Protein backbone atom coordinates (compact mmCIF):
# COMPACT_ATOMS: atom_id res chain seq x y z
CA UNK A 1 -76.43 57.92 -144.22
CA UNK A 2 -74.77 56.92 -140.52
CA UNK A 3 -71.72 55.00 -140.47
CA UNK A 4 -71.23 52.13 -137.67
CA UNK A 5 -68.29 53.99 -135.49
CA UNK A 6 -65.29 51.44 -135.45
CA UNK A 7 -63.12 50.84 -132.57
CA UNK A 8 -60.35 49.38 -135.30
CA UNK A 9 -57.39 51.42 -134.66
CA UNK A 10 -54.96 49.82 -137.13
CA UNK A 11 -50.54 50.20 -136.54
CA UNK A 12 -48.65 52.26 -138.49
CA UNK A 13 -47.45 49.99 -141.99
CA UNK A 14 -51.36 48.06 -141.76
CA UNK A 15 -52.75 47.53 -145.64
CA UNK A 16 -56.95 48.67 -145.25
CA UNK A 17 -59.47 49.62 -146.89
CA UNK A 18 -60.68 53.20 -147.12
CA UNK A 19 -64.50 53.92 -147.75
CA UNK A 20 -65.08 57.23 -149.51
CA UNK A 21 -68.57 59.48 -149.76
CA UNK A 22 -69.18 56.97 -152.76
CA UNK A 23 -68.18 53.74 -154.12
CA UNK A 24 -65.95 55.68 -156.88
CA UNK A 25 -63.87 57.16 -154.19
CA UNK A 26 -62.84 53.54 -152.00
CA UNK A 27 -59.68 52.26 -152.47
CA UNK A 28 -56.78 50.65 -150.23
CA UNK A 29 -54.47 52.92 -148.55
CA UNK A 30 -51.45 52.23 -146.16
CA UNK A 31 -51.22 53.92 -142.69
CA UNK A 32 -48.19 55.81 -142.12
CA UNK A 33 -49.29 57.71 -138.49
CA UNK A 34 -51.89 58.74 -136.37
CA UNK A 35 -52.85 62.19 -136.39
CA UNK A 36 -55.45 64.53 -134.09
CA UNK A 37 -58.97 64.37 -133.59
CA UNK A 38 -59.33 60.57 -134.84
CA UNK A 39 -57.81 61.06 -137.77
CA UNK A 40 -54.82 58.70 -139.72
CA UNK A 41 -52.55 59.84 -142.19
CA UNK A 42 -52.34 57.34 -144.92
CA UNK A 43 -50.71 56.74 -148.39
CA UNK A 44 -52.62 56.22 -151.61
CA UNK A 45 -52.23 55.87 -155.00
CA UNK A 46 -53.16 59.47 -156.68
CA UNK A 47 -54.91 59.91 -160.15
CA UNK A 48 -51.82 60.37 -161.68
CA UNK A 49 -50.40 57.09 -160.07
CA UNK A 50 -48.09 59.08 -157.67
CA UNK A 51 -48.00 58.14 -153.85
CA UNK A 52 -50.03 60.67 -151.99
CA UNK A 53 -50.33 61.39 -148.44
CA UNK A 54 -53.78 62.28 -147.19
CA UNK A 55 -55.31 62.52 -143.80
CA UNK A 56 -58.62 60.75 -142.98
CA UNK A 57 -61.08 59.88 -140.39
CA UNK A 58 -60.46 56.49 -138.68
CA UNK A 59 -64.08 55.67 -138.93
CA UNK A 60 -63.57 55.73 -142.76
CA UNK A 61 -60.79 52.57 -142.61
CA UNK A 62 -62.15 48.86 -142.48
CA UNK A 63 -59.59 46.04 -142.60
CA UNK A 64 -58.74 43.88 -145.86
CA UNK A 65 -61.01 41.15 -146.33
CA UNK A 66 -58.97 37.67 -146.06
CA UNK A 67 -57.72 36.91 -149.38
CA UNK A 68 -56.88 33.51 -151.60
CA UNK A 69 -53.47 33.30 -149.98
CA UNK A 70 -54.29 33.84 -146.58
CA UNK A 71 -56.86 30.88 -146.29
CA UNK A 72 -54.05 28.38 -147.48
CA UNK A 73 -52.09 26.71 -144.69
CA UNK A 74 -48.07 27.12 -145.00
CA UNK A 75 -46.63 24.67 -146.55
CA UNK A 76 -45.14 21.73 -144.17
CA UNK A 77 -40.94 20.77 -144.32
CA UNK A 78 -41.10 16.85 -144.81
């Protein structure tokens, strides 16, 4: 199974979706920094509920889909 190479390089602090080997490993992560060889250091919530830092390939990250509040217009002051 091949994946499409992504040219999306998120800056540090961006929240993204990590696509793991299977559906169970898909999780929301926060980008911490760039590493070498097309990899990124990200922070995720581990199995015991504590934050863990892992290094993943850039091609396994996707932007978050738009949420409910992203679609609403900001309130206008009258």
